[in-house]
Amino acid sequence: EEVYDDDWLERKMEDETMRTVVKFYGAITFLAFLSRSRYTAICFICKAVQLSLQNGACVYTPLSLLQLMGFAMEDKHAANLYHIAKNALSLLERFDVGGDQISGVFMNFYGRIAWHYEPFQVCGDNLRRGFESGLSSGSNLGFHCAFHVIKTAIISGEKLDSLLKEIDYYLHLLKTYKSELMKNALLISRETVSALIDKGEATSIEAKVFNNSSQEPVFFHQAYRAFWSGYTVRCHHYFEKCSQLSGQYVQFNPFVLKFYHGLNSLDVLKKKKSHTTRYKEVVRDAISAMKDAAA
């Protein structure tokens, strides 16, 4: 195996063809990620990072590194990967990075990595910057930033009325640009916000969520709605489904899932319902995860 020193960061990739290849690999990675071809995406992004290691950094290196860190993010290695991702973000200062690159970098760092360690509000503010950069440059990645904005806003407890208006703003832009990108995810989020405001009685809209959407956000939102509505058994059911999908296509921070699952299980135990063994296991797992997160 080849071992690379830090000096590759000081070198600049001079070959324009090589830079184009790195850009191409990054685009293929993103498309594979959207189609949930995880191993194909990892294969191409590893090739992109290897080219930078061998030939020096270029304008596409920060995004390539962040894409790789996003795929590699695991609880036991999260601290080291976050440190690498922060260094990748600092590389932006060396290059003249366009708006499409900014939206991609911010989406990967603040939407997939940073929120393990940085406040949700900070991540949300920077994801909004990524959305604006994508919108001004005509990059579709801006709408991916919008999805992560709403995801972090819901979990961090932003004011629901304002959040509903922001989701409607994003949906309006999607309609204006005749794009279906992230529409499903935004509609699912809107259903949750509407349900929490007034159970959808006055704030719901007629919009169809396509059945081919990823299962994880559907399960998470069902569990989240049930948690705040007091339906503990239903909440437990959907969080169990989320945990079964862990590692396949995880959009939500596992600490967040375990936190809410643990709180819900505590509520079940307080009410002394039957079949409490599994709920006790969930609570112990949640406490252990929170201790690791705080360490």
C-alpha atoms as a PDB file:
ATOM      1  CA  GLU A   1       0.000   0.000   0.000  1.00  0.00           C
ATOM      2  CA  GLU A   2       1.166   3.514  -0.778  1.00  0.00           C
ATOM      3  CA  VAL A   3       1.742   5.879   2.125  1.00  0.00           C
ATOM      4  CA  TYR A   4       1.343   9.625   1.535  1.00  0.00           C
ATOM      5  CA  ASP A   5       2.945  12.371   3.625  1.00  0.00           C
ATOM      6  CA  ASP A   6       1.374  15.760   4.245  1.00  0.00           C
ATOM      7  CA  ASP A   7       3.523  17.330   1.541  1.00  0.00           C
ATOM      8  CA  TRP A   8       0.905  16.497  -1.091  1.00  0.00           C
ATOM      9  CA  LEU A   9      -1.161  19.337   0.340  1.00  0.00           C
ATOM     10  CA  GLU A  10       1.605  21.784  -0.551  1.00  0.00           C
ATOM     11  CA  ARG A  11       1.686  20.623  -4.152  1.00  0.00           C
ATOM     12  CA  LYS A  12      -0.773  21.910  -6.737  1.00  0.00           C
ATOM     13  CA  MET A  13      -2.241  19.707  -9.444  1.00  0.00           C
ATOM     14  CA  GLU A  14      -0.990  21.355 -12.647  1.00  0.00           C
ATOM     15  CA  ASP A  15      -2.393  18.927 -15.236  1.00  0.00           C
ATOM     16  CA  GLU A  16      -5.724  20.284 -16.485  1.00  0.00           C
ATOM     17  CA  THR A  17      -6.779  16.858 -17.782  1.00  0.00           C
ATOM     18  CA  MET A  18      -6.158  15.378 -14.347  1.00  0.00           C
ATOM     19  CA  ARG A  19      -8.265  18.097 -12.732  1.00  0.00           C
ATOM     20  CA  THR A  20     -11.091  17.321 -15.161  1.00  0.00           C
ATOM     21  CA  VAL A  21     -10.899  13.635 -14.234  1.00  0.00           C
ATOM     22  CA  VAL A  22     -11.150  14.487 -10.520  1.00  0.00           C
ATOM     23  CA  LYS A  23     -14.199  16.655 -11.285  1.00  0.00           C
ATOM     24  CA  PHE A  24     -15.727  13.823 -13.345  1.00  0.00           C
ATOM     25  CA  TYR A  25     -15.219  11.279 -10.572  1.00  0.00           C
ATOM     26  CA  GLY A  26     -16.890  13.642  -8.116  1.00  0.00           C
ATOM     27  CA  ALA A  27     -19.921  14.030 -10.404  1.00  0.00           C
ATOM     28  CA  ILE A  28     -20.205  10.258 -10.862  1.00  0.00           C
ATOM     29  CA  THR A  29     -19.986   9.835  -7.087  1.00  0.00           C
ATOM     30  CA  PHE A  30     -22.881  12.227  -6.559  1.00  0.00           C
ATOM     31  CA  LEU A  31     -25.052  10.493  -9.161  1.00  0.00           C
ATOM     32  CA  ALA A  32     -24.279   7.085  -7.665  1.00  0.00           C
ATOM     33  CA  PHE A  33     -25.158   8.430  -4.223  1.00  0.00           C
ATOM     34  CA  LEU A  34     -28.520   9.692  -5.494  1.00  0.00           C
ATOM     35  CA  SER A  35     -29.284   6.280  -6.998  1.00  0.00           C
ATOM     36  CA  ARG A  36     -28.213   4.654  -3.692  1.00  0.00           C
ATOM     37  CA  SER A  37     -25.349   2.750  -5.355  1.00  0.00           C
ATOM     38  CA  ARG A  38     -23.187   3.175  -2.261  1.00  0.00           C
ATOM     39  CA  TYR A  39     -20.258   0.988  -3.287  1.00  0.00           C
ATOM     40  CA  THR A  40     -20.088   2.502  -6.773  1.00  0.00           C
ATOM     41  CA  ALA A  41     -19.987   5.972  -5.203  1.00  0.00           C
ATOM     42  CA  ILE A  42     -17.225   4.945  -2.785  1.00  0.00           C
ATOM     43  CA  CYS A  43     -15.186   3.419  -5.611  1.00  0.00           C
ATOM     44  CA  PHE A  44     -15.190   6.600  -7.697  1.00  0.00           C
ATOM     45  CA  ILE A  45     -14.585   9.004  -4.834  1.00  0.00           C
ATOM     46  CA  CYS A  46     -11.620   6.917  -3.685  1.00  0.00           C
ATOM     47  CA  LYS A  47     -10.200   7.258  -7.205  1.00  0.00           C
ATOM     48  CA  ALA A  48     -10.670  11.044  -7.059  1.00  0.00           C
ATOM     49  CA  VAL A  49      -8.928  11.342  -3.679  1.00  0.00           C
ATOM     50  CA  GLN A  50      -6.103   9.058  -4.810  1.00  0.00           C
ATOM     51  CA  LEU A  51      -5.417  11.320  -7.805  1.00  0.00           C
ATOM     52  CA  SER A  52      -5.080  14.290  -5.433  1.00  0.00           C
ATOM     53  CA  LEU A  53      -2.772  12.334  -3.134  1.00  0.00           C
ATOM     54  CA  GLN A  54      -0.553  11.379  -6.060  1.00  0.00           C
ATOM     55  CA  ASN A  55      -0.575  14.652  -7.991  1.00  0.00           C
ATOM     56  CA  GLY A  56      -1.356  17.422  -5.485  1.00  0.00           C
ATOM     57  CA  ALA A  57      -4.452  19.365  -4.516  1.00  0.00           C
ATOM     58  CA  CYS A  58      -6.762  21.142  -6.945  1.00  0.00           C
ATOM     59  CA  VAL A  59      -9.996  23.127  -6.769  1.00  0.00           C
ATOM     60  CA  TYR A  60     -12.018  19.863  -6.659  1.00  0.00           C
ATOM     61  CA  THR A  61      -9.968  18.240  -3.879  1.00  0.00           C
ATOM     62  CA  PRO A  62     -11.930  19.721  -0.914  1.00  0.00           C
ATOM     63  CA  LEU A  63     -15.234  18.384  -2.231  1.00  0.00           C
ATOM     64  CA  SER A  64     -13.690  14.976  -3.002  1.00  0.00           C
ATOM     65  CA  LEU A  65     -12.292  14.664   0.522  1.00  0.00           C
ATOM     66  CA  LEU A  66     -15.595  15.705   2.078  1.00  0.00           C
ATOM     67  CA  GLN A  67     -17.539  13.236  -0.041  1.00  0.00           C
ATOM     68  CA  LEU A  68     -15.212  10.462   1.131  1.00  0.00           C
ATOM     69  CA  MET A  69     -15.456  11.518   4.786  1.00  0.00           C
ATOM     70  CA  GLY A  70     -19.256  11.566   4.482  1.00  0.00           C
ATOM     71  CA  PHE A  71     -19.267   7.936   3.380  1.00  0.00           C
ATOM     72  CA  ALA A  72     -16.708   6.880   5.998  1.00  0.00           C
ATOM     73  CA  MET A  73     -18.417   8.611   8.941  1.00  0.00           C
ATOM     74  CA  GLU A  74     -18.894   6.106  11.754  1.00  0.00           C
ATOM     75  CA  ASP A  75     -19.354   6.614  15.470  1.00  0.00           C
ATOM     76  CA  LYS A  76     -16.023   5.077  16.461  1.00  0.00           C
ATOM     77  CA  HIS A  77     -14.014   7.087  13.921  1.00  0.00           C
ATOM     78  CA  ALA A  78     -16.157  10.217  13.775  1.00  0.00           C
ATOM     79  CA  ALA A  79     -13.725  12.493  15.668  1.00  0.00           C
ATOM     80  CA  ASN A  80     -10.782  11.748  13.353  1.00  0.00           C
ATOM     81  CA  LEU A  81     -12.918  12.016  10.229  1.00  0.00           C
ATOM     82  CA  TYR A  82     -14.358  15.323  11.409  1.00  0.00           C
ATOM     83  CA  HIS A  83     -10.803  16.645  11.875  1.00  0.00           C
ATOM     84  CA  ILE A  84      -9.897  15.612   8.315  1.00  0.00           C
ATOM     85  CA  ALA A  85     -13.094  17.201   7.007  1.00  0.00           C
ATOM     86  CA  LYS A  86     -12.274  20.492   8.769  1.00  0.00           C
ATOM     87  CA  ASN A  87      -8.858  20.493   7.102  1.00  0.00           C
ATOM     88  CA  ALA A  88     -10.506  19.809   3.737  1.00  0.00           C
ATOM     89  CA  LEU A  89     -12.794  22.782   4.309  1.00  0.00           C
ATOM     90  CA  SER A  90      -9.793  25.013   5.003  1.00  0.00           C
ATOM     91  CA  LEU A  91      -8.395  24.116   1.557  1.00  0.00           C
ATOM     92  CA  LEU A  92     -11.089  26.315   0.017  1.00  0.00           C
ATOM     93  CA  GLU A  93      -8.989  29.360   0.894  1.00  0.00           C
ATOM     94  CA  ARG A  94      -6.298  28.255  -1.575  1.00  0.00           C
ATOM     95  CA  PHE A  95      -8.556  28.117  -4.620  1.00  0.00           C
ATOM     96  CA  ASP A  96     -10.997  30.315  -6.522  1.00  0.00           C
ATOM     97  CA  VAL A  97     -14.075  28.216  -5.789  1.00  0.00           C
ATOM     98  CA  GLY A  98     -17.343  28.825  -7.666  1.00  0.00           C
ATOM     99  CA  GLY A  99     -20.864  28.823  -6.259  1.00  0.00           C
ATOM    100  CA  ASP A 100     -21.585  25.283  -7.430  1.00  0.00           C
ATOM    101  CA  GLN A 101     -18.521  24.051  -5.546  1.00  0.00           C
ATOM    102  CA  ILE A 102     -19.474  26.012  -2.434  1.00  0.00           C
ATOM    103  CA  SER A 103     -22.940  24.451  -2.327  1.00  0.00           C
ATOM    104  CA  GLY A 104     -21.460  20.972  -2.750  1.00  0.00           C
ATOM    105  CA  VAL A 105     -18.816  21.521  -0.077  1.00  0.00           C
ATOM    106  CA  PHE A 106     -21.285  22.998   2.417  1.00  0.00           C
ATOM    107  CA  MET A 107     -23.855  20.281   1.740  1.00  0.00           C
ATOM    108  CA  ASN A 108     -21.323  17.534   2.425  1.00  0.00           C
ATOM    109  CA  PHE A 109     -19.633  19.164   5.410  1.00  0.00           C
ATOM    110  CA  TYR A 110     -22.556  20.756   7.267  1.00  0.00           C
ATOM    111  CA  GLY A 111     -25.218  18.336   6.066  1.00  0.00           C
ATOM    112  CA  ARG A 112     -23.397  15.025   6.479  1.00  0.00           C
ATOM    113  CA  ILE A 113     -20.425  15.536   8.824  1.00  0.00           C
ATOM    114  CA  ALA A 114     -20.325  18.673  10.979  1.00  0.00           C
ATOM    115  CA  TRP A 115     -23.603  18.170  12.781  1.00  0.00           C
ATOM    116  CA  HIS A 116     -22.031  15.324  14.750  1.00  0.00           C
ATOM    117  CA  TYR A 117     -19.986  18.001  16.563  1.00  0.00           C
ATOM    118  CA  GLU A 118     -21.258  21.493  15.728  1.00  0.00           C
ATOM    119  CA  PRO A 119     -24.553  23.105  16.818  1.00  0.00           C
ATOM    120  CA  PHE A 120     -27.479  22.430  14.511  1.00  0.00           C
ATOM    121  CA  GLN A 121     -28.109  26.178  14.232  1.00  0.00           C
ATOM    122  CA  VAL A 122     -24.564  26.744  12.919  1.00  0.00           C
ATOM    123  CA  CYS A 123     -24.986  23.930  10.409  1.00  0.00           C
ATOM    124  CA  GLY A 124     -28.363  25.309   9.327  1.00  0.00           C
ATOM    125  CA  ASP A 125     -27.022  28.831   8.778  1.00  0.00           C
ATOM    126  CA  ASN A 126     -24.149  27.556   6.629  1.00  0.00           C
ATOM    127  CA  LEU A 127     -26.429  25.224   4.697  1.00  0.00           C
ATOM    128  CA  ARG A 128     -28.577  28.258   3.851  1.00  0.00           C
ATOM    129  CA  ARG A 129     -25.397  29.893   2.510  1.00  0.00           C
ATOM    130  CA  GLY A 130     -24.839  26.767   0.437  1.00  0.00           C
ATOM    131  CA  PHE A 131     -28.388  26.961  -0.889  1.00  0.00           C
ATOM    132  CA  GLU A 132     -27.956  30.605  -1.879  1.00  0.00           C
ATOM    133  CA  SER A 133     -24.628  29.859  -3.603  1.00  0.00           C
ATOM    134  CA  GLY A 134     -26.176  26.987  -5.507  1.00  0.00           C
ATOM    135  CA  LEU A 135     -29.185  29.049  -6.524  1.00  0.00           C
ATOM    136  CA  SER A 136     -27.037  31.957  -7.766  1.00  0.00           C
ATOM    137  CA  SER A 137     -24.777  29.630  -9.765  1.00  0.00           C
ATOM    138  CA  GLY A 138     -27.581  27.467 -11.159  1.00  0.00           C
ATOM    139  CA  SER A 139     -26.407  24.360  -9.282  1.00  0.00           C
ATOM    140  CA  ASN A 140     -28.958  21.730  -8.266  1.00  0.00           C
ATOM    141  CA  LEU A 141     -26.870  21.092  -5.162  1.00  0.00           C
ATOM    142  CA  GLY A 142     -28.520  24.154  -3.654  1.00  0.00           C
ATOM    143  CA  PHE A 143     -31.749  22.184  -3.229  1.00  0.00           C
ATOM    144  CA  HIS A 144     -29.840  19.412  -1.456  1.00  0.00           C
ATOM    145  CA  CYS A 145     -28.630  22.085   0.953  1.00  0.00           C
ATOM    146  CA  ALA A 146     -32.268  23.146   1.371  1.00  0.00           C
ATOM    147  CA  PHE A 147     -33.226  19.611   2.382  1.00  0.00           C
ATOM    148  CA  HIS A 148     -30.485  19.546   5.024  1.00  0.00           C
ATOM    149  CA  VAL A 149     -31.548  23.021   6.234  1.00  0.00           C
ATOM    150  CA  ILE A 150     -35.052  21.728   6.956  1.00  0.00           C
ATOM    151  CA  LYS A 151     -33.787  18.482   8.464  1.00  0.00           C
ATOM    152  CA  THR A 152     -31.558  20.282  10.973  1.00  0.00           C
ATOM    153  CA  ALA A 153     -34.222  22.928  11.659  1.00  0.00           C
ATOM    154  CA  ILE A 154     -36.853  20.342  12.584  1.00  0.00           C
ATOM    155  CA  ILE A 155     -34.514  18.515  14.944  1.00  0.00           C
ATOM    156  CA  SER A 156     -33.121  21.699  16.521  1.00  0.00           C
ATOM    157  CA  GLY A 157     -36.615  22.957  17.339  1.00  0.00           C
ATOM    158  CA  GLU A 158     -36.947  26.051  15.167  1.00  0.00           C
ATOM    159  CA  LYS A 159     -40.273  27.899  15.240  1.00  0.00           C
ATOM    160  CA  LEU A 160     -42.748  25.770  13.312  1.00  0.00           C
ATOM    161  CA  ASP A 161     -44.652  28.612  11.597  1.00  0.00           C
ATOM    162  CA  SER A 162     -41.428  30.078  10.201  1.00  0.00           C
ATOM    163  CA  LEU A 163     -40.232  26.626   9.194  1.00  0.00           C
ATOM    164  CA  LEU A 164     -43.444  25.943   7.295  1.00  0.00           C
ATOM    165  CA  LYS A 165     -42.979  29.186   5.338  1.00  0.00           C
ATOM    166  CA  GLU A 166     -39.387  28.265   4.527  1.00  0.00           C
ATOM    167  CA  ILE A 167     -40.396  24.830   3.221  1.00  0.00           C
ATOM    168  CA  ASP A 168     -43.123  26.429   1.079  1.00  0.00           C
ATOM    169  CA  TYR A 169     -40.520  28.852  -0.285  1.00  0.00           C
ATOM    170  CA  TYR A 170     -38.288  25.963  -1.373  1.00  0.00           C
ATOM    171  CA  LEU A 171     -41.260  24.119  -2.893  1.00  0.00           C
ATOM    172  CA  HIS A 172     -42.236  27.294  -4.767  1.00  0.00           C
ATOM    173  CA  LEU A 173     -38.732  27.545  -6.229  1.00  0.00           C
ATOM    174  CA  LEU A 174     -38.818  23.893  -7.279  1.00  0.00           C
ATOM    175  CA  LYS A 175     -42.082  24.569  -9.088  1.00  0.00           C
ATOM    176  CA  THR A 176     -40.653  27.720 -10.683  1.00  0.00           C
ATOM    177  CA  TYR A 177     -37.591  25.851 -11.949  1.00  0.00           C
ATOM    178  CA  LYS A 178     -39.757  22.837 -12.921  1.00  0.00           C
ATOM    179  CA  SER A 179     -37.579  20.543 -10.821  1.00  0.00           C
ATOM    180  CA  GLU A 180     -38.523  17.458  -8.811  1.00  0.00           C
ATOM    181  CA  LEU A 181     -35.163  17.375  -7.005  1.00  0.00           C
ATOM    182  CA  MET A 182     -35.620  16.850  -3.234  1.00  0.00           C
ATOM    183  CA  LYS A 183     -39.346  17.537  -3.621  1.00  0.00           C
ATOM    184  CA  ASN A 184     -40.293  14.283  -1.901  1.00  0.00           C
ATOM    185  CA  ALA A 185     -38.027  14.974   1.082  1.00  0.00           C
ATOM    186  CA  LEU A 186     -39.396  18.499   1.476  1.00  0.00           C
ATOM    187  CA  LEU A 187     -43.008  17.305   1.231  1.00  0.00           C
ATOM    188  CA  ILE A 188     -42.398  14.658   3.910  1.00  0.00           C
ATOM    189  CA  SER A 189     -40.859  17.323   6.132  1.00  0.00           C
ATOM    190  CA  ARG A 190     -43.804  19.622   5.460  1.00  0.00           C
ATOM    191  CA  GLU A 191     -46.236  16.915   6.531  1.00  0.00           C
ATOM    192  CA  THR A 192     -44.370  16.628   9.825  1.00  0.00           C
ATOM    193  CA  VAL A 193     -44.352  20.383  10.491  1.00  0.00           C
ATOM    194  CA  SER A 194     -48.014  20.675   9.547  1.00  0.00           C
ATOM    195  CA  ALA A 195     -48.928  17.759  11.833  1.00  0.00           C
ATOM    196  CA  LEU A 196     -47.063  19.310  14.753  1.00  0.00           C
ATOM    197  CA  ILE A 197     -48.722  22.720  14.265  1.00  0.00           C
ATOM    198  CA  ASP A 198     -52.366  21.677  14.045  1.00  0.00           C
ATOM    199  CA  LYS A 199     -52.470  18.005  12.989  1.00  0.00           C
ATOM    200  CA  GLY A 200     -52.708  19.228   9.404  1.00  0.00           C
ATOM    201  CA  GLU A 201     -56.194  20.640   9.847  1.00  0.00           C
ATOM    202  CA  ALA A 202     -55.437  24.098   8.395  1.00  0.00           C
ATOM    203  CA  THR A 203     -51.834  23.936   7.241  1.00  0.00           C
ATOM    204  CA  SER A 204     -51.764  20.832   5.053  1.00  0.00           C
ATOM    205  CA  ILE A 205     -51.569  20.991   1.269  1.00  0.00           C
ATOM    206  CA  GLU A 206     -52.626  18.590  -1.452  1.00  0.00           C
ATOM    207  CA  ALA A 207     -49.384  17.083  -2.659  1.00  0.00           C
ATOM    208  CA  LYS A 208     -48.460  13.527  -3.464  1.00  0.00           C
ATOM    209  CA  VAL A 209     -45.330  11.942  -2.002  1.00  0.00           C
ATOM    210  CA  PHE A 210     -44.026   9.356  -4.452  1.00  0.00           C
ATOM    211  CA  ASN A 211     -43.769   5.815  -3.102  1.00  0.00           C
ATOM    212  CA  ASN A 212     -40.233   5.351  -4.439  1.00  0.00           C
ATOM    213  CA  SER A 213     -38.797   7.701  -1.841  1.00  0.00           C
ATOM    214  CA  SER A 214     -36.151   6.417   0.545  1.00  0.00           C
ATOM    215  CA  GLN A 215     -37.647   4.540   3.501  1.00  0.00           C
ATOM    216  CA  GLU A 216     -35.447   6.068   6.188  1.00  0.00           C
ATOM    217  CA  PRO A 217     -36.789   9.657   6.119  1.00  0.00           C
ATOM    218  CA  VAL A 218     -40.356   8.283   5.957  1.00  0.00           C
ATOM    219  CA  PHE A 219     -39.762   6.102   9.028  1.00  0.00           C
ATOM    220  CA  PHE A 220     -37.950   8.886  10.898  1.00  0.00           C
ATOM    221  CA  HIS A 221     -40.708  11.421  10.297  1.00  0.00           C
ATOM    222  CA  GLN A 222     -43.388   8.916  11.309  1.00  0.00           C
ATOM    223  CA  ALA A 223     -41.473   8.254  14.530  1.00  0.00           C
ATOM    224  CA  TYR A 224     -40.847  11.961  15.157  1.00  0.00           C
ATOM    225  CA  ARG A 225     -44.514  12.864  14.702  1.00  0.00           C
ATOM    226  CA  ALA A 226     -45.563  10.008  16.974  1.00  0.00           C
ATOM    227  CA  PHE A 227     -43.059  11.069  19.644  1.00  0.00           C
ATOM    228  CA  TRP A 228     -44.380  14.625  19.905  1.00  0.00           C
ATOM    229  CA  SER A 229     -47.990  13.427  19.639  1.00  0.00           C
ATOM    230  CA  GLY A 230     -47.545  11.001  22.562  1.00  0.00           C
ATOM    231  CA  TYR A 231     -48.004   7.776  20.569  1.00  0.00           C
ATOM    232  CA  THR A 232     -45.204   5.846  22.257  1.00  0.00           C
ATOM    233  CA  VAL A 233     -45.821   2.389  20.769  1.00  0.00           C
ATOM    234  CA  ARG A 234     -46.085   3.762  17.233  1.00  0.00           C
ATOM    235  CA  CYS A 235     -42.957   5.844  17.823  1.00  0.00           C
ATOM    236  CA  HIS A 236     -41.029   2.770  18.991  1.00  0.00           C
ATOM    237  CA  HIS A 237     -42.211   0.809  15.949  1.00  0.00           C
ATOM    238  CA  TYR A 238     -40.863   3.337  13.449  1.00  0.00           C
ATOM    239  CA  PHE A 239     -37.592   3.946  15.308  1.00  0.00           C
ATOM    240  CA  GLU A 240     -37.006   0.187  15.240  1.00  0.00           C
ATOM    241  CA  LYS A 241     -37.483   0.300  11.468  1.00  0.00           C
ATOM    242  CA  CYS A 242     -34.947   3.156  11.272  1.00  0.00           C
ATOM    243  CA  SER A 243     -32.386   1.153  13.243  1.00  0.00           C
ATOM    244  CA  GLN A 244     -32.830  -1.810  10.891  1.00  0.00           C
ATOM    245  CA  LEU A 245     -31.847   0.456   7.972  1.00  0.00           C
ATOM    246  CA  SER A 246     -28.717   1.727   9.780  1.00  0.00           C
ATOM    247  CA  GLY A 247     -25.687   1.663   7.500  1.00  0.00           C
ATOM    248  CA  GLN A 248     -27.697   1.363   4.270  1.00  0.00           C
ATOM    249  CA  TYR A 249     -28.670   4.941   3.496  1.00  0.00           C
ATOM    250  CA  VAL A 250     -28.430   6.965   6.666  1.00  0.00           C
ATOM    251  CA  GLN A 251     -29.554  10.581   6.318  1.00  0.00           C
ATOM    252  CA  PHE A 252     -30.118  11.198  10.009  1.00  0.00           C
ATOM    253  CA  ASN A 253     -27.524  11.444  12.741  1.00  0.00           C
ATOM    254  CA  PRO A 254     -27.551   8.103  14.637  1.00  0.00           C
ATOM    255  CA  PHE A 255     -27.158  10.007  17.924  1.00  0.00           C
ATOM    256  CA  VAL A 256     -30.402  11.873  17.181  1.00  0.00           C
ATOM    257  CA  LEU A 257     -32.220   8.628  16.420  1.00  0.00           C
ATOM    258  CA  LYS A 258     -30.944   6.994  19.617  1.00  0.00           C
ATOM    259  CA  PHE A 259     -31.732  10.089  21.687  1.00  0.00           C
ATOM    260  CA  TYR A 260     -35.397  10.256  20.701  1.00  0.00           C
ATOM    261  CA  HIS A 261     -35.756   6.467  20.736  1.00  0.00           C
ATOM    262  CA  GLY A 262     -34.338   6.448  24.276  1.00  0.00           C
ATOM    263  CA  LEU A 263     -36.653   9.224  25.499  1.00  0.00           C
ATOM    264  CA  ASN A 264     -39.645   7.443  24.027  1.00  0.00           C
ATOM    265  CA  SER A 265     -38.651   4.160  25.674  1.00  0.00           C
ATOM    266  CA  LEU A 266     -38.279   5.919  29.031  1.00  0.00           C
ATOM    267  CA  ASP A 267     -41.844   7.176  28.648  1.00  0.00           C
ATOM    268  CA  VAL A 268     -43.033   3.627  27.963  1.00  0.00           C
ATOM    269  CA  LEU A 269     -41.225   2.317  31.051  1.00  0.00           C
ATOM    270  CA  LYS A 270     -42.739   5.093  33.198  1.00  0.00           C
ATOM    271  CA  LYS A 271     -46.196   3.934  32.145  1.00  0.00           C
ATOM    272  CA  LYS A 272     -45.204   0.325  33.015  1.00  0.00           C
ATOM    273  CA  LYS A 273     -46.455  -1.157  29.791  1.00  0.00           C
ATOM    274  CA  SER A 274     -45.778  -4.812  28.938  1.00  0.00           C
ATOM    275  CA  HIS A 275     -42.754  -6.163  27.023  1.00  0.00           C
ATOM    276  CA  THR A 276     -40.351  -3.755  28.730  1.00  0.00           C
ATOM    277  CA  THR A 277     -37.105  -5.720  28.109  1.00  0.00           C
ATOM    278  CA  ARG A 278     -36.514  -4.248  24.662  1.00  0.00           C
ATOM    279  CA  TYR A 279     -37.308  -0.742  25.927  1.00  0.00           C
ATOM    280  CA  LYS A 280     -34.702  -1.095  28.680  1.00  0.00           C
ATOM    281  CA  GLU A 281     -32.133  -2.148  26.080  1.00  0.00           C
ATOM    282  CA  VAL A 282     -32.958   0.943  23.998  1.00  0.00           C
ATOM    283  CA  VAL A 283     -32.540   3.227  27.030  1.00  0.00           C
ATOM    284  CA  ARG A 284     -29.166   1.680  27.951  1.00  0.00           C
ATOM    285  CA  ASP A 285     -27.993   1.995  24.341  1.00  0.00           C
ATOM    286  CA  ALA A 286     -29.124   5.639  24.209  1.00  0.00           C
ATOM    287  CA  ILE A 287     -27.324   6.520  27.464  1.00  0.00           C
ATOM    288  CA  SER A 288     -24.138   4.845  26.203  1.00  0.00           C
ATOM    289  CA  ALA A 289     -24.378   6.730  22.888  1.00  0.00           C
ATOM    290  CA  MET A 290     -24.894  10.069  24.662  1.00  0.00           C
ATOM    291  CA  LYS A 291     -21.836   9.418  26.879  1.00  0.00           C
ATOM    292  CA  ASP A 292     -19.750   8.677  23.776  1.00  0.00           C
ATOM    293  CA  ALA A 293     -21.039  11.820  22.086  1.00  0.00           C
ATOM    294  CA  ALA A 294     -20.127  13.939  25.124  1.00  0.00           C
ATOM    295  CA  ALA A 295     -16.651  12.418  25.523  1.00  0.00           C
END
